[in-house]
Structures are given as C-alpha cells and as structure tokens.
Amino acid sequence: MSNKKPLTKRLEQAAGINRQANIIEKLHQADDRYWSVKDIAKYVGKSESTVRRKLLTDPRWPKPFQFGENAYKRWLASEVKKAVLLFRKD
C-alpha cells in the first residue's frame, strides 16, 4: 500500500534524470566552440570578474584549453553549458 508512492516518486526522479542527460547530450553535440571568460560571462549573465572568482576557481568547473604558452585559456562551450546546468542545483 505505501510502496506505491515511493516507487512512483523514484520513477519520476529517474525520468527527470534521463531528460537532463538528453539535454546535456544535445548541448554537447550542438556547440563545440571554444569560449573565453567574456563568452562565459555573457552566457551566465554575470561579470567577467564574478565568473573568474566564483566559477573558474571551483574544482568542479571544466579544465580550460590553452593553445600555446602565452595564449588565453578557452573552454568548450558544451562543457560550460553542462557545468552551468549542474551548478544550478547547488
């Protein structure tokens, strides 16, 4: 009798996780450009300094690419979008 509600809740949670995984996969396939800090700031609607201070210092944030010793760091747009989705839950 009481098992029905928890099971339903678990099934709904599983369906939600599957939807999120599908969204993340579509984002990954759709956009593999490299983004600068400025691009990330525009995407999240924050200043560049806030992005540097709050996101880039977080150990869960994707690792940047750096093409050459003196080149600016860049992040794959798909990885940034995935990270932002995950950070929204925190």
N, C-alpha and C. Protein backbone atom coordinates (compact mmCIF):
# COMPACT_ATOMS: atom_id res chain seq x y z
N MET A 1 0.82 -1.18 0.00
CA MET A 1 0.00 0.00 0.00
C MET A 1 0.87 1.26 0.00
N SER A 2 1.80 1.39 0.91
CA SER A 2 2.64 2.58 0.97
C SER A 2 3.82 2.51 -0.01
N ASN A 3 4.08 1.34 -0.60
CA ASN A 3 5.17 1.20 -1.56
C ASN A 3 4.88 1.89 -2.88
N LYS A 4 3.62 2.12 -3.17
CA LYS A 4 3.25 2.70 -4.46
C LYS A 4 3.75 4.14 -4.60
N LYS A 5 3.61 4.94 -3.58
CA LYS A 5 4.03 6.33 -3.68
C LYS A 5 5.54 6.47 -3.79
N PRO A 6 6.35 5.80 -2.94
CA PRO A 6 7.80 5.93 -3.10
C PRO A 6 8.29 5.42 -4.46
N LEU A 7 7.69 4.35 -4.97
CA LEU A 7 8.08 3.82 -6.27
C LEU A 7 7.77 4.84 -7.37
N THR A 8 6.59 5.43 -7.29
CA THR A 8 6.21 6.44 -8.27
C THR A 8 7.17 7.62 -8.23
N LYS A 9 7.51 8.03 -7.03
CA LYS A 9 8.44 9.15 -6.87
C LYS A 9 9.81 8.80 -7.47
N ARG A 10 10.30 7.59 -7.24
CA ARG A 10 11.58 7.17 -7.79
C ARG A 10 11.54 7.11 -9.32
N LEU A 11 10.43 6.64 -9.86
CA LEU A 11 10.30 6.60 -11.32
C LEU A 11 10.29 8.00 -11.92
N GLU A 12 9.61 8.92 -11.24
CA GLU A 12 9.59 10.31 -11.71
C GLU A 12 10.98 10.92 -11.64
N GLN A 13 11.73 10.63 -10.58
CA GLN A 13 13.09 11.14 -10.45
C GLN A 13 13.98 10.58 -11.56
N ALA A 14 13.83 9.28 -11.85
CA ALA A 14 14.63 8.65 -12.90
C ALA A 14 14.31 9.27 -14.26
N ALA A 15 13.04 9.54 -14.50
CA ALA A 15 12.64 10.17 -15.76
C ALA A 15 13.25 11.57 -15.87
N GLY A 16 13.28 12.30 -14.77
CA GLY A 16 13.88 13.64 -14.75
C GLY A 16 15.37 13.59 -15.04
N ILE A 17 16.05 12.61 -14.47
CA ILE A 17 17.48 12.45 -14.71
C ILE A 17 17.74 12.12 -16.18
N ASN A 18 16.91 11.26 -16.76
CA ASN A 18 17.07 10.92 -18.18
C ASN A 18 16.86 12.14 -19.07
N ARG A 19 15.87 12.98 -18.73
CA ARG A 19 15.63 14.20 -19.51
C ARG A 19 16.85 15.12 -19.43
N GLN A 20 17.41 15.26 -18.23
CA GLN A 20 18.59 16.11 -18.07
C GLN A 20 19.77 15.57 -18.87
N ALA A 21 19.95 14.27 -18.85
CA ALA A 21 21.05 13.66 -19.61
C ALA A 21 20.87 13.90 -21.10
N ASN A 22 19.64 13.81 -21.59
CA ASN A 22 19.37 14.07 -23.00
C ASN A 22 19.66 15.52 -23.37
N ILE A 23 19.27 16.44 -22.50
CA ILE A 23 19.54 17.86 -22.74
C ILE A 23 21.04 18.11 -22.79
N ILE A 24 21.77 17.54 -21.85
CA ILE A 24 23.22 17.72 -21.80
C ILE A 24 23.87 17.17 -23.06
N GLU A 25 23.42 16.00 -23.50
CA GLU A 25 23.98 15.39 -24.71
C GLU A 25 23.72 16.26 -25.93
N LYS A 26 22.53 16.82 -26.05
CA LYS A 26 22.20 17.69 -27.18
C LYS A 26 23.06 18.95 -27.15
N LEU A 27 23.27 19.51 -25.97
CA LEU A 27 24.13 20.69 -25.85
C LEU A 27 25.55 20.37 -26.29
N HIS A 28 26.02 19.20 -25.90
CA HIS A 28 27.38 18.80 -26.25
C HIS A 28 27.54 18.66 -27.76
N GLN A 29 26.55 18.07 -28.40
CA GLN A 29 26.62 17.85 -29.84
C GLN A 29 26.46 19.16 -30.61
N ALA A 30 25.67 20.08 -30.08
CA ALA A 30 25.30 21.28 -30.83
C ALA A 30 26.37 22.36 -30.81
N ASP A 31 27.22 22.39 -29.82
CA ASP A 31 28.11 23.54 -29.70
C ASP A 31 29.47 23.14 -29.15
N ASP A 32 30.42 23.01 -30.04
CA ASP A 32 31.78 22.70 -29.60
C ASP A 32 32.76 23.81 -29.94
N ARG A 33 32.28 25.05 -29.82
CA ARG A 33 33.17 26.20 -29.96
C ARG A 33 33.96 26.37 -28.67
N TYR A 34 35.03 27.13 -28.76
CA TYR A 34 35.79 27.47 -27.56
C TYR A 34 35.36 28.84 -27.07
N TRP A 35 35.08 28.94 -25.77
CA TRP A 35 34.60 30.18 -25.17
C TRP A 35 35.68 30.80 -24.29
N SER A 36 35.71 32.11 -24.31
CA SER A 36 36.58 32.89 -23.43
C SER A 36 35.83 33.20 -22.13
N VAL A 37 36.50 33.82 -21.19
CA VAL A 37 35.84 34.26 -19.96
C VAL A 37 34.70 35.23 -20.31
N LYS A 38 34.94 36.08 -21.29
CA LYS A 38 33.91 37.03 -21.71
C LYS A 38 32.67 36.31 -22.24
N ASP A 39 32.87 35.26 -23.03
CA ASP A 39 31.75 34.48 -23.56
C ASP A 39 30.97 33.81 -22.43
N ILE A 40 31.70 33.25 -21.47
CA ILE A 40 31.06 32.58 -20.34
C ILE A 40 30.25 33.58 -19.52
N ALA A 41 30.83 34.74 -19.28
CA ALA A 41 30.14 35.78 -18.51
C ALA A 41 28.85 36.20 -19.20
N LYS A 42 28.90 36.35 -20.50
CA LYS A 42 27.70 36.72 -21.25
C LYS A 42 26.64 35.62 -21.15
N TYR A 43 27.06 34.37 -21.24
CA TYR A 43 26.13 33.24 -21.17
C TYR A 43 25.43 33.15 -19.82
N VAL A 44 26.18 33.35 -18.74
CA VAL A 44 25.58 33.22 -17.40
C VAL A 44 25.00 34.53 -16.88
N GLY A 45 25.25 35.62 -17.60
CA GLY A 45 24.69 36.91 -17.19
C GLY A 45 25.37 37.53 -15.98
N LYS A 46 26.66 37.28 -15.86
CA LYS A 46 27.46 37.83 -14.75
C LYS A 46 28.67 38.56 -15.32
N SER A 47 29.37 39.30 -14.48
CA SER A 47 30.57 40.00 -14.93
C SER A 47 31.72 39.00 -15.08
N GLU A 48 32.73 39.42 -15.84
CA GLU A 48 33.90 38.57 -16.01
C GLU A 48 34.60 38.32 -14.68
N SER A 49 34.65 39.32 -13.82
CA SER A 49 35.32 39.13 -12.53
C SER A 49 34.55 38.14 -11.66
N THR A 50 33.23 38.17 -11.73
CA THR A 50 32.43 37.20 -10.97
C THR A 50 32.67 35.79 -11.49
N VAL A 51 32.73 35.65 -12.80
CA VAL A 51 32.99 34.33 -13.40
C VAL A 51 34.35 33.83 -12.94
N ARG A 52 35.36 34.69 -12.99
CA ARG A 52 36.70 34.27 -12.55
C ARG A 52 36.71 33.88 -11.07
N ARG A 53 36.03 34.66 -10.25
CA ARG A 53 36.06 34.45 -8.80
C ARG A 53 35.20 33.27 -8.37
N LYS A 54 34.01 33.12 -8.96
CA LYS A 54 33.06 32.12 -8.45
C LYS A 54 33.06 30.80 -9.23
N LEU A 55 33.23 30.87 -10.53
CA LEU A 55 33.14 29.65 -11.33
C LEU A 55 34.49 29.02 -11.62
N LEU A 56 35.41 29.80 -12.14
CA LEU A 56 36.68 29.24 -12.58
C LEU A 56 37.52 28.69 -11.44
N THR A 57 37.26 29.13 -10.22
CA THR A 57 38.01 28.64 -9.07
C THR A 57 37.40 27.37 -8.48
N ASP A 58 36.19 27.03 -8.90
CA ASP A 58 35.52 25.84 -8.37
C ASP A 58 36.16 24.59 -8.97
N PRO A 59 36.54 23.62 -8.14
CA PRO A 59 37.22 22.42 -8.66
C PRO A 59 36.34 21.59 -9.60
N ARG A 60 35.04 21.79 -9.57
CA ARG A 60 34.13 21.03 -10.45
C ARG A 60 34.04 21.66 -11.84
N TRP A 61 34.56 22.88 -11.99
CA TRP A 61 34.49 23.58 -13.27
C TRP A 61 35.38 22.87 -14.29
N PRO A 62 34.97 22.78 -15.55
CA PRO A 62 35.80 22.11 -16.57
C PRO A 62 37.18 22.75 -16.71
N LYS A 63 38.13 21.92 -17.04
CA LYS A 63 39.50 22.41 -17.24
C LYS A 63 39.59 23.16 -18.57
N PRO A 64 40.34 24.24 -18.60
CA PRO A 64 40.46 25.02 -19.84
C PRO A 64 41.46 24.41 -20.81
N PHE A 65 41.36 24.86 -22.05
CA PHE A 65 42.35 24.55 -23.07
C PHE A 65 43.19 25.79 -23.26
N GLN A 66 44.47 25.59 -23.53
CA GLN A 66 45.35 26.72 -23.78
C GLN A 66 46.24 26.34 -24.97
N PHE A 67 46.04 27.04 -26.07
CA PHE A 67 46.75 26.73 -27.29
C PHE A 67 48.01 27.60 -27.38
N GLY A 68 49.08 27.08 -26.85
CA GLY A 68 50.33 27.83 -26.81
C GLY A 68 50.60 28.37 -25.42
N GLU A 69 51.86 28.62 -25.16
CA GLU A 69 52.30 29.03 -23.83
C GLU A 69 51.70 30.37 -23.39
N ASN A 70 51.60 31.32 -24.29
CA ASN A 70 51.12 32.65 -23.94
C ASN A 70 49.67 32.91 -24.37
N ALA A 71 49.00 31.88 -24.81
CA ALA A 71 47.63 32.04 -25.31
C ALA A 71 46.64 32.13 -24.13
N TYR A 72 45.51 32.77 -24.42
CA TYR A 72 44.44 32.83 -23.42
C TYR A 72 43.80 31.46 -23.25
N LYS A 73 43.24 31.22 -22.08
CA LYS A 73 42.55 29.97 -21.82
C LYS A 73 41.16 30.02 -22.45
N ARG A 74 40.72 28.85 -22.91
CA ARG A 74 39.40 28.70 -23.51
C ARG A 74 38.75 27.44 -22.98
N TRP A 75 37.41 27.44 -22.97
CA TRP A 75 36.62 26.31 -22.51
C TRP A 75 35.67 25.88 -23.60
N LEU A 76 35.45 24.58 -23.72
CA LEU A 76 34.47 24.11 -24.68
C LEU A 76 33.09 24.57 -24.25
N ALA A 77 32.36 25.18 -25.17
CA ALA A 77 31.02 25.70 -24.85
C ALA A 77 30.11 24.61 -24.31
N SER A 78 30.18 23.42 -24.88
CA SER A 78 29.32 22.33 -24.42
C SER A 78 29.62 21.96 -22.97
N GLU A 79 30.90 21.98 -22.57
CA GLU A 79 31.27 21.67 -21.19
C GLU A 79 30.82 22.77 -20.24
N VAL A 80 30.92 24.02 -20.70
CA VAL A 80 30.46 25.15 -19.88
C VAL A 80 28.96 25.03 -19.63
N LYS A 81 28.21 24.76 -20.68
CA LYS A 81 26.75 24.65 -20.55
C LYS A 81 26.37 23.50 -19.62
N LYS A 82 27.07 22.39 -19.72
CA LYS A 82 26.80 21.26 -18.84
C LYS A 82 27.10 21.64 -17.39
N ALA A 83 28.22 22.28 -17.15
CA ALA A 83 28.61 22.70 -15.80
C ALA A 83 27.59 23.67 -15.22
N VAL A 84 27.12 24.61 -16.02
CA VAL A 84 26.14 25.59 -15.55
C VAL A 84 24.85 24.89 -15.14
N LEU A 85 24.42 23.89 -15.90
CA LEU A 85 23.23 23.12 -15.52
C LEU A 85 23.43 22.42 -14.18
N LEU A 86 24.59 21.87 -13.98
CA LEU A 86 24.88 21.16 -12.73
C LEU A 86 24.99 22.14 -11.56
N PHE A 87 25.56 23.32 -11.80
CA PHE A 87 25.72 24.32 -10.74
C PHE A 87 24.38 24.90 -10.31
N ARG A 88 23.41 24.94 -11.19
CA ARG A 88 22.10 25.48 -10.86
C ARG A 88 21.45 24.75 -9.70
N LYS A 89 21.78 23.49 -9.53
CA LYS A 89 21.19 22.67 -8.47
C LYS A 89 21.77 22.99 -7.11
N ASP A 90 22.97 23.57 -7.10
CA ASP A 90 23.63 23.87 -5.81
C ASP A 90 23.06 25.07 -5.14
